[in-house]
N, C-alpha and C. Protein backbone atom coordinates (compact mmCIF):
# COMPACT_ATOMS: atom_id res chain seq x y z
N GLY A 1 1.06 -33.35 74.37
CA GLY A 1 0.39 -34.66 74.19
C GLY A 1 1.26 -35.64 74.21
N SER A 2 0.57 -36.87 73.95
CA SER A 2 1.27 -38.25 74.14
C SER A 2 2.04 -38.67 73.03
N GLY A 3 2.47 -38.03 71.79
CA GLY A 3 3.06 -38.19 70.91
C GLY A 3 2.29 -38.82 69.58
N LYS A 4 1.01 -39.02 69.72
CA LYS A 4 0.22 -39.48 68.74
C LYS A 4 0.52 -39.01 67.14
N SER A 5 0.47 -37.60 67.18
CA SER A 5 0.61 -37.04 65.75
C SER A 5 2.26 -37.49 65.28
N THR A 6 3.02 -37.40 66.26
CA THR A 6 4.58 -37.97 66.16
C THR A 6 4.71 -39.13 65.58
N LEU A 7 3.94 -40.00 66.11
CA LEU A 7 3.97 -41.56 65.79
C LEU A 7 3.49 -41.58 64.44
N ILE A 8 2.26 -41.08 63.66
CA ILE A 8 1.72 -40.94 62.68
C ILE A 8 2.82 -40.20 61.54
N GLU A 9 3.28 -39.43 61.84
CA GLU A 9 4.20 -38.60 61.06
C GLU A 9 5.45 -39.51 60.82
N SER A 10 5.72 -40.21 61.99
CA SER A 10 6.80 -40.93 61.59
C SER A 10 6.44 -42.23 60.83
N LEU A 11 5.35 -42.78 60.99
CA LEU A 11 4.80 -43.73 59.88
C LEU A 11 4.68 -43.42 58.54
N LEU A 12 4.36 -42.25 58.26
CA LEU A 12 4.36 -41.49 57.06
C LEU A 12 5.84 -40.95 56.36
N GLY A 13 6.82 -41.14 57.22
CA GLY A 13 7.97 -40.72 56.66
C GLY A 13 8.33 -39.25 56.87
N GLY A 14 7.48 -38.61 57.80
CA GLY A 14 7.58 -37.05 58.21
C GLY A 14 9.00 -36.82 59.26
N HIS A 15 9.33 -38.16 59.86
CA HIS A 15 10.31 -37.89 60.72
C HIS A 15 11.22 -39.20 60.67
N GLU A 16 12.52 -38.66 61.13
CA GLU A 16 13.61 -39.69 60.83
C GLU A 16 13.42 -40.76 62.08
N VAL A 17 13.33 -41.98 62.03
CA VAL A 17 13.28 -42.82 63.22
C VAL A 17 14.66 -43.10 63.53
N THR A 18 15.31 -43.00 64.63
CA THR A 18 16.55 -43.42 64.92
C THR A 18 16.80 -44.63 65.92
N SER A 19 15.67 -45.13 66.37
CA SER A 19 16.03 -46.45 66.99
C SER A 19 14.64 -47.15 67.16
N GLY A 20 14.57 -48.28 67.49
CA GLY A 20 12.98 -49.00 67.91
C GLY A 20 12.71 -49.64 66.70
N PHE A 21 11.47 -50.23 66.71
CA PHE A 21 10.86 -50.89 65.96
C PHE A 21 9.43 -50.80 66.14
N LEU A 22 8.56 -51.00 65.01
CA LEU A 22 6.99 -50.88 65.08
C LEU A 22 6.20 -51.79 64.51
N ARG A 23 5.43 -52.59 65.20
CA ARG A 23 4.75 -53.62 64.74
C ARG A 23 3.04 -53.12 64.64
N SER A 24 2.57 -53.54 63.27
CA SER A 24 1.02 -52.56 63.10
C SER A 24 0.33 -53.75 62.38
N LEU A 25 -0.88 -53.62 62.46
CA LEU A 25 -1.96 -54.49 62.02
C LEU A 25 -1.85 -54.24 60.40
N PRO A 26 -2.25 -55.17 59.62
CA PRO A 26 -2.19 -55.18 58.04
C PRO A 26 -3.09 -53.85 57.56
N ASN A 27 -4.26 -53.63 58.33
CA ASN A 27 -5.07 -52.52 57.47
C ASN A 27 -5.38 -51.37 58.36
N ILE A 28 -4.51 -50.45 58.13
CA ILE A 28 -4.56 -49.30 58.95
C ILE A 28 -4.98 -47.98 57.87
N ALA A 29 -5.38 -47.20 58.61
CA ALA A 29 -5.80 -45.78 58.03
C ALA A 29 -5.60 -44.48 58.97
N TYR A 30 -5.24 -43.64 58.13
CA TYR A 30 -4.76 -42.30 58.87
C TYR A 30 -5.86 -41.31 58.17
N VAL A 31 -6.50 -40.37 59.26
CA VAL A 31 -7.27 -39.50 58.85
C VAL A 31 -6.73 -38.11 59.72
N PRO A 32 -6.18 -37.07 58.83
CA PRO A 32 -5.43 -36.16 59.50
C PRO A 32 -6.56 -35.26 60.10
N GLN A 33 -6.16 -34.16 60.81
CA GLN A 33 -7.05 -33.34 61.48
C GLN A 33 -7.39 -32.09 60.58
N GLN A 34 -6.33 -31.99 59.36
CA GLN A 34 -6.68 -31.23 58.06
C GLN A 34 -6.71 -31.76 56.97
N ALA A 35 -7.76 -31.91 56.16
CA ALA A 35 -7.98 -32.55 55.17
C ALA A 35 -7.29 -32.12 54.07
N TRP A 36 -6.50 -33.17 53.46
CA TRP A 36 -5.82 -32.71 52.19
C TRP A 36 -6.29 -32.83 50.90
N ILE A 37 -6.60 -31.75 50.35
CA ILE A 37 -7.39 -31.77 49.03
C ILE A 37 -6.85 -31.12 48.00
N MET A 38 -6.95 -31.93 47.04
CA MET A 38 -5.97 -31.31 45.70
C MET A 38 -7.06 -30.45 44.81
N ASN A 39 -6.63 -29.43 44.24
CA ASN A 39 -7.07 -28.54 43.50
C ASN A 39 -7.47 -29.19 42.27
N ALA A 40 -8.53 -30.22 42.20
CA ALA A 40 -8.99 -30.94 41.23
C ALA A 40 -10.31 -31.32 41.02
N THR A 41 -10.92 -32.15 40.53
CA THR A 41 -12.10 -32.73 40.45
C THR A 41 -12.52 -33.63 41.91
N LEU A 42 -13.73 -33.61 42.00
CA LEU A 42 -14.19 -34.61 43.22
C LEU A 42 -13.67 -35.92 43.00
N LYS A 43 -13.90 -36.36 41.71
CA LYS A 43 -13.24 -37.62 41.25
C LYS A 43 -12.12 -37.85 41.31
N GLU A 44 -11.11 -37.12 40.93
CA GLU A 44 -9.62 -37.01 41.05
C GLU A 44 -9.16 -37.06 42.46
N ASN A 45 -9.96 -36.58 43.47
CA ASN A 45 -9.53 -36.50 44.74
C ASN A 45 -9.80 -37.74 45.25
N ILE A 46 -10.76 -38.44 45.10
CA ILE A 46 -11.29 -39.63 45.48
C ILE A 46 -10.49 -40.71 45.04
N LEU A 47 -9.91 -40.77 43.58
CA LEU A 47 -9.10 -42.03 42.95
C LEU A 47 -7.84 -41.70 43.41
N PHE A 48 -7.28 -40.41 43.80
CA PHE A 48 -5.82 -40.08 44.12
C PHE A 48 -5.00 -40.65 43.24
N PHE A 49 -4.69 -40.77 42.11
CA PHE A 49 -3.99 -41.18 41.06
C PHE A 49 -4.07 -42.63 40.99
N SER A 50 -4.87 -43.29 41.70
CA SER A 50 -5.22 -44.72 40.96
C SER A 50 -6.15 -44.99 39.86
N ASP A 51 -5.97 -46.20 39.05
CA ASP A 51 -6.76 -46.55 38.16
C ASP A 51 -8.39 -46.72 38.42
N MET A 52 -9.31 -46.18 37.70
CA MET A 52 -10.74 -46.18 38.14
C MET A 52 -10.99 -47.58 38.17
N ASP A 53 -12.01 -47.93 39.24
CA ASP A 53 -12.39 -49.07 39.59
C ASP A 53 -13.87 -48.93 40.06
N GLU A 54 -14.81 -48.93 39.04
CA GLU A 54 -16.25 -48.41 39.29
C GLU A 54 -16.84 -49.11 40.46
N ALA A 55 -16.59 -50.04 40.75
CA ALA A 55 -17.40 -50.48 42.01
C ALA A 55 -16.58 -50.13 43.39
N ARG A 56 -15.63 -50.16 43.25
CA ARG A 56 -14.57 -49.26 44.45
C ARG A 56 -14.81 -48.07 44.57
N PHE A 57 -14.86 -47.19 43.39
CA PHE A 57 -15.30 -45.57 43.44
C PHE A 57 -16.84 -45.50 44.20
N ARG A 58 -17.68 -46.25 43.70
CA ARG A 58 -19.04 -46.04 44.14
C ARG A 58 -18.96 -46.32 45.82
N ARG A 59 -18.32 -47.32 46.19
CA ARG A 59 -18.47 -47.85 47.63
C ARG A 59 -17.57 -46.73 48.48
N ALA A 60 -16.60 -46.17 47.60
CA ALA A 60 -16.12 -44.78 48.42
C ALA A 60 -17.21 -43.85 48.55
N LEU A 61 -17.72 -43.59 47.63
CA LEU A 61 -18.91 -42.34 47.78
C LEU A 61 -20.12 -42.89 48.71
N ARG A 62 -20.31 -44.25 48.81
CA ARG A 62 -21.20 -44.68 49.73
C ARG A 62 -20.83 -44.36 51.02
N CYS A 63 -19.70 -45.06 51.29
CA CYS A 63 -19.16 -45.07 52.66
C CYS A 63 -18.62 -43.56 53.22
N THR A 64 -18.60 -42.65 52.39
CA THR A 64 -18.17 -41.13 52.90
C THR A 64 -19.34 -40.27 52.90
N GLN A 65 -20.62 -41.13 52.46
CA GLN A 65 -21.80 -40.46 52.36
C GLN A 65 -21.86 -39.26 51.44
N LEU A 66 -21.14 -39.41 50.49
CA LEU A 66 -21.27 -38.35 49.28
C LEU A 66 -22.07 -38.63 48.27
N GLU A 67 -22.74 -39.67 48.44
CA GLU A 67 -23.87 -39.99 47.15
C GLU A 67 -24.78 -38.81 47.11
N SER A 68 -25.64 -38.66 48.05
CA SER A 68 -26.55 -37.47 48.06
C SER A 68 -25.75 -36.18 47.81
N ASP A 69 -24.62 -35.86 48.10
CA ASP A 69 -24.07 -34.24 47.79
C ASP A 69 -23.81 -34.42 46.16
N LEU A 70 -23.90 -35.60 45.49
CA LEU A 70 -23.65 -35.48 44.23
C LEU A 70 -24.66 -34.68 43.51
N LYS A 71 -25.80 -34.87 43.74
CA LYS A 71 -26.93 -34.21 43.45
C LYS A 71 -26.99 -32.64 43.60
N LEU A 72 -26.25 -32.35 44.36
CA LEU A 72 -26.47 -30.70 44.93
C LEU A 72 -25.27 -30.11 43.90
N LEU A 73 -24.27 -31.00 43.53
CA LEU A 73 -23.30 -30.38 42.65
C LEU A 73 -23.42 -30.19 41.16
N LEU A 74 -23.13 -29.27 40.74
CA LEU A 74 -23.58 -29.01 39.30
C LEU A 74 -22.83 -29.92 38.37
N ASN A 75 -21.87 -30.60 38.43
CA ASN A 75 -21.02 -31.40 37.49
C ASN A 75 -20.78 -32.62 38.24
N GLY A 76 -21.57 -33.21 39.29
CA GLY A 76 -21.41 -34.32 40.10
C GLY A 76 -20.19 -34.62 40.29
N VAL A 77 -19.31 -35.70 40.04
CA VAL A 77 -17.95 -36.01 40.36
C VAL A 77 -16.92 -35.41 39.72
N GLU A 78 -17.53 -34.39 38.62
CA GLU A 78 -16.52 -34.18 37.67
C GLU A 78 -16.46 -32.37 38.30
N THR A 79 -17.04 -32.12 39.28
CA THR A 79 -16.88 -30.66 39.90
C THR A 79 -15.70 -30.55 40.54
N GLU A 80 -15.22 -29.39 40.09
CA GLU A 80 -13.86 -28.71 40.57
C GLU A 80 -13.93 -28.37 42.13
N ILE A 81 -13.02 -29.32 42.78
CA ILE A 81 -13.35 -28.84 44.33
C ILE A 81 -12.47 -27.52 44.49
N GLY A 82 -11.62 -27.03 43.95
CA GLY A 82 -10.93 -25.83 44.41
C GLY A 82 -9.79 -26.03 45.27
N GLU A 83 -9.14 -24.82 45.65
CA GLU A 83 -7.69 -25.05 46.49
C GLU A 83 -8.17 -25.32 47.88
N LYS A 84 -7.72 -26.14 48.49
CA LYS A 84 -7.90 -26.63 49.48
C LYS A 84 -9.58 -26.86 50.02
N GLY A 85 -10.10 -27.36 48.98
CA GLY A 85 -11.62 -27.65 49.18
C GLY A 85 -12.40 -26.43 49.17
N VAL A 86 -12.27 -25.30 48.63
CA VAL A 86 -13.09 -24.25 49.01
C VAL A 86 -14.45 -24.28 48.66
N ASN A 87 -14.73 -24.98 47.53
CA ASN A 87 -16.14 -25.51 47.09
C ASN A 87 -16.83 -26.74 48.00
N LEU A 88 -16.33 -26.73 48.99
CA LEU A 88 -16.89 -27.94 49.78
C LEU A 88 -17.35 -27.16 51.31
N SER A 89 -18.30 -27.80 51.98
CA SER A 89 -18.59 -27.45 53.11
C SER A 89 -17.58 -28.13 54.00
N GLY A 90 -17.74 -27.89 55.42
CA GLY A 90 -16.82 -28.74 56.32
C GLY A 90 -17.07 -30.13 56.51
N GLY A 91 -18.31 -30.49 56.42
CA GLY A 91 -18.53 -31.91 56.55
C GLY A 91 -18.21 -32.55 55.31
N GLN A 92 -18.44 -31.79 54.01
CA GLN A 92 -17.88 -32.73 52.87
C GLN A 92 -16.40 -32.81 52.94
N LYS A 93 -15.43 -32.03 53.46
CA LYS A 93 -14.17 -32.13 53.22
C LYS A 93 -13.88 -33.37 54.05
């Protein structure tokens, strides 16, 4: 490949950078090919150890199109996701 994954892994501290520099935009996001999901509730996976901000939390549900899925989950946002998201469909991950 062209080194896209290596670049991202370097930004995240996964590779030691020995020379050069990087200039980036202030707002950048990384979406890995393999979803990283904790064995915890849906809410805990969304908050990811951050303090609860109801408006931001609801916006995250809306932006990820999970609002309609909440109706299908027995315990809503308190549903246990399971190891590596075993209780979610591929699209939900």
